[in-house]
Protein backbone atom coordinates (compact mmCIF):
# COMPACT_ATOMS: atom_id res chain seq x y z
CA MET A 1 0.00 0.00 0.00
CA ASP A 2 1.37 3.37 -0.92
CA TYR A 3 0.98 6.57 1.03
CA ASN A 4 -0.80 8.77 -1.46
CA SER A 5 -4.27 10.26 -1.80
CA ILE A 6 -4.41 10.70 1.96
CA THR A 7 -6.91 13.05 3.55
CA CYS A 8 -5.75 14.65 6.79
CA LYS A 9 -8.17 16.56 8.99
CA LYS A 10 -6.32 18.96 11.28
CA GLU A 11 -7.93 21.64 13.41
CA LYS A 12 -6.80 24.19 15.92
CA ILE A 13 -9.02 23.59 18.95
CA ASP A 14 -8.79 25.86 21.97
CA GLY A 15 -5.31 26.90 20.82
CA HIS A 16 -4.04 23.32 20.35
CA CYS A 17 -2.98 21.64 17.09
CA CYS A 18 -5.06 18.52 16.64
CA ARG A 19 -5.20 15.82 14.00
CA LEU A 20 -8.65 14.33 13.95
CA TYR A 21 -8.04 11.69 11.30
CA LEU A 22 -5.98 10.39 8.42
CA GLN A 23 -7.88 8.56 5.71
CA LYS A 24 -7.00 6.64 2.60
CA GLU A 25 -10.29 6.06 0.80
CA GLY A 26 -11.17 2.59 -0.37
CA GLU A 27 -13.86 -0.06 -0.55
CA ARG A 28 -12.85 -1.82 2.67
CA PRO A 29 -10.97 0.40 5.13
CA LEU A 30 -9.42 -0.75 8.37
CA THR A 31 -10.37 1.67 11.12
CA VAL A 32 -7.42 2.13 13.48
CA ILE A 33 -7.50 3.75 16.91
CA GLY A 34 -4.16 4.71 18.40
CA LEU A 35 -3.28 6.81 21.44
CA ASN A 36 -2.60 10.25 19.97
CA PRO A 37 -1.32 11.57 16.64
CA SER A 38 2.35 12.11 15.96
CA THR A 39 3.79 13.59 12.76
CA ALA A 40 1.88 11.90 9.91
CA ASP A 41 -0.23 14.11 7.69
CA ASP A 42 -1.60 14.05 4.15
CA SER A 43 1.85 14.18 2.54
CA THR A 44 4.20 12.55 5.06
CA SER A 45 3.87 9.19 6.74
CA ASP A 46 5.43 8.33 10.10
CA ALA A 47 6.65 5.07 11.63
CA THR A 48 3.22 4.10 12.95
CA MET A 49 1.47 4.63 9.63
CA ARG A 50 4.17 2.77 7.69
CA LYS A 51 3.78 -0.22 10.04
CA ILE A 52 -0.01 -0.18 9.81
CA MET A 53 0.04 -0.08 6.01
CA LYS A 54 2.55 -2.95 5.89
CA PHE A 55 0.39 -5.00 8.30
CA ILE A 56 -2.61 -4.42 6.04
CA GLU A 57 -0.59 -5.81 3.10
CA LYS A 58 0.68 -8.82 5.08
CA TRP A 59 -2.76 -9.66 6.47
CA ASP A 60 -4.17 -9.54 2.95
CA GLU A 61 -1.64 -12.20 1.91
CA ARG A 62 -2.24 -14.68 4.74
CA THR A 63 -5.48 -14.01 6.63
CA SER A 64 -9.17 -13.54 5.92
CA TYR A 65 -8.74 -9.82 6.61
CA HIS A 66 -8.64 -7.97 3.31
CA PHE A 67 -8.41 -4.21 3.71
CA ASP A 68 -7.61 -1.82 0.89
CA SER A 69 -7.43 1.41 2.85
CA PHE A 70 -7.48 2.87 6.35
CA ILE A 71 -8.93 5.45 8.69
CA MET A 72 -6.51 6.48 11.44
CA LEU A 73 -8.17 7.81 14.58
CA ASN A 74 -6.89 8.27 18.12
CA LEU A 75 -8.14 8.21 21.69
CA TYR A 76 -7.09 11.87 21.97
CA PRO A 77 -6.44 14.19 19.00
CA LEU A 78 -3.62 16.38 20.32
CA ILE A 79 -0.52 16.18 18.12
CA GLU A 80 2.47 15.23 20.26
CA THR A 81 5.48 13.17 19.24
CA SER A 82 5.71 11.29 22.53
CA PRO A 83 2.95 10.15 24.88
CA ASP A 84 5.29 11.07 27.76
CA LEU A 85 5.07 14.68 26.61
CA LEU A 86 1.28 14.52 26.95
CA LYS A 87 1.73 13.88 30.66
CA VAL A 88 4.36 16.58 31.12
CA ASN A 89 3.03 19.33 28.87
CA HIS A 90 -0.75 18.91 28.73
CA LYS A 91 -3.87 18.48 30.79
CA PHE A 92 -7.11 16.93 29.63
CA ASN A 93 -9.09 19.34 27.47
CA PRO A 94 -12.80 18.50 27.21
CA LEU A 95 -13.17 20.52 23.97
CA LEU A 96 -10.52 18.42 22.20
CA HIS A 97 -12.04 15.21 23.52
CA ALA A 98 -15.60 16.17 22.52
CA ARG A 99 -14.51 17.00 18.97
CA ASN A 100 -12.59 13.73 18.78
CA ILE A 101 -15.65 11.72 19.89
CA GLU A 102 -17.70 13.56 17.25
CA ILE A 103 -15.23 12.53 14.52
CA ILE A 104 -15.02 8.91 15.72
CA THR A 105 -18.81 8.72 15.78
CA MET A 106 -18.97 10.09 12.22
CA PHE A 107 -16.72 7.28 10.95
CA LEU A 108 -18.45 4.57 12.99
CA ASP A 109 -21.79 5.65 11.57
CA LYS A 110 -20.39 5.53 8.04
CA TYR A 111 -18.60 2.16 8.48
CA ALA A 112 -20.91 0.47 10.98
CA ASN A 113 -19.93 -3.09 10.01
CA THR A 114 -16.16 -3.00 9.98
CA GLU A 115 -13.19 -4.10 12.02
CA VAL A 116 -11.58 -1.60 14.36
CA LEU A 117 -7.93 -2.16 15.21
CA LEU A 118 -7.03 -0.93 18.69
CA CYS A 119 -3.32 -0.17 19.04
CA TYR A 120 -2.74 2.40 21.77
CA GLY A 121 -0.10 0.45 23.69
CA ASP A 122 1.06 0.66 27.29
CA SER A 123 1.85 4.38 27.13
CA ILE A 124 -1.76 4.90 28.14
CA GLU A 125 -0.81 3.74 31.64
CA SER A 126 1.27 6.85 32.32
CA VAL A 127 -1.51 9.41 31.70
CA LYS A 128 -4.58 8.85 33.87
CA TRP A 129 -6.95 11.00 31.81
CA LEU A 130 -6.10 9.02 28.66
CA LYS A 131 -7.64 5.96 30.32
CA ASN A 132 -10.87 7.94 30.67
CA CYS A 133 -10.70 8.79 26.96
CA ARG A 134 -10.14 5.10 26.16
CA ASP A 135 -13.11 4.06 28.25
CA GLU A 136 -15.38 6.58 26.58
CA VAL A 137 -14.26 5.40 23.12
CA LEU A 138 -14.77 1.74 24.09
CA GLU A 139 -18.24 2.58 25.43
CA LEU A 140 -19.02 4.28 22.13
CA LEU A 141 -17.74 1.26 20.16
CA ALA A 142 -19.96 -1.04 22.26
CA LYS A 143 -23.04 0.69 20.82
CA TYR A 144 -22.19 -0.58 17.33
CA LYS A 145 -23.20 -4.23 17.26
CA ASP A 146 -21.66 -5.03 13.86
CA ILE A 147 -18.20 -3.67 14.64
CA SER A 148 -15.50 -6.18 15.52
CA LEU A 149 -12.55 -5.07 17.62
CA ILE A 150 -9.13 -6.54 16.86
CA THR A 151 -5.59 -6.08 18.14
CA PHE A 152 -2.08 -6.95 17.04
CA GLY A 153 -1.86 -10.46 18.48
CA GLU A 154 -1.93 -10.92 22.25
CA LEU A 155 -2.39 -8.02 24.64
CA THR A 156 0.56 -6.58 26.55
CA ARG A 157 1.37 -7.67 30.11
CA MET A 158 -0.65 -4.63 31.21
CA ASN A 159 -3.62 -5.90 29.12
CA ASN A 160 -3.44 -3.18 26.49
CA PRO A 161 -3.59 -3.58 22.71
CA ARG A 162 -0.05 -3.47 21.32
CA HIS A 163 1.33 -0.50 19.44
CA PRO A 164 2.62 -1.60 15.99
CA CYS A 165 6.04 0.03 15.89
CA ARG A 166 8.14 -2.79 17.38
CA LEU A 167 6.05 -5.73 16.20
CA SER A 168 6.96 -8.42 13.72
CA TYR A 169 4.85 -8.59 10.57
CA CYS A 170 4.11 -12.25 11.29
CA ILE A 171 1.61 -11.23 14.01
CA ASN A 172 -1.98 -11.79 12.99
CA PRO A 173 -4.99 -9.90 14.31
CA LYS A 174 -6.82 -11.25 17.34
CA PRO A 175 -10.32 -10.39 18.56
CA PHE A 176 -10.51 -7.91 21.43
CA PRO A 177 -13.36 -8.42 23.89
CA ASN A 178 -14.80 -4.98 24.59
CA PRO A 179 -15.33 -4.75 28.38
CA PHE A 180 -18.31 -2.44 27.79
CA VAL A 181 -20.31 -4.95 25.77
CA GLU A 182 -22.97 -6.68 27.84
CA HIS A 183 -22.99 -10.44 27.43
């Protein structure tokens, strides 16, 4: 998969630079939810996006998952190159979070029967308010009965979906049981 024809939605919200989504249009997109955006935009990929696109190609070759595009979303939309800097430099901003939930909802409504790859990693453990964002996103996802949640293989020791950057391409997707879905 090449990194062209990408749509990037950035907004300045309450004085903060936010990336609300990256999208490569296609017939069967993989919706991806990471922690927060880094440097990728409509013209430049970053390590996370390169890994995700390569996983999409590899899964197409050897699994029943056949995606031709992606939608990259995040638990929180603030652009920051390191999750550690979120903890040091930022506090939770309800305006950013509300706009992010609005964007996620827009894509879930449009692609209500898709797979959603969760890949926010263990960095979520260092910023308490990010866990609240995660829980609200998972609660939202639970409302969509035809959406399947997947992760990169097994969860981390801290029971979080793995971030793709240090993973081998031989890892296949695994179902993720949403704790907010009533059984």
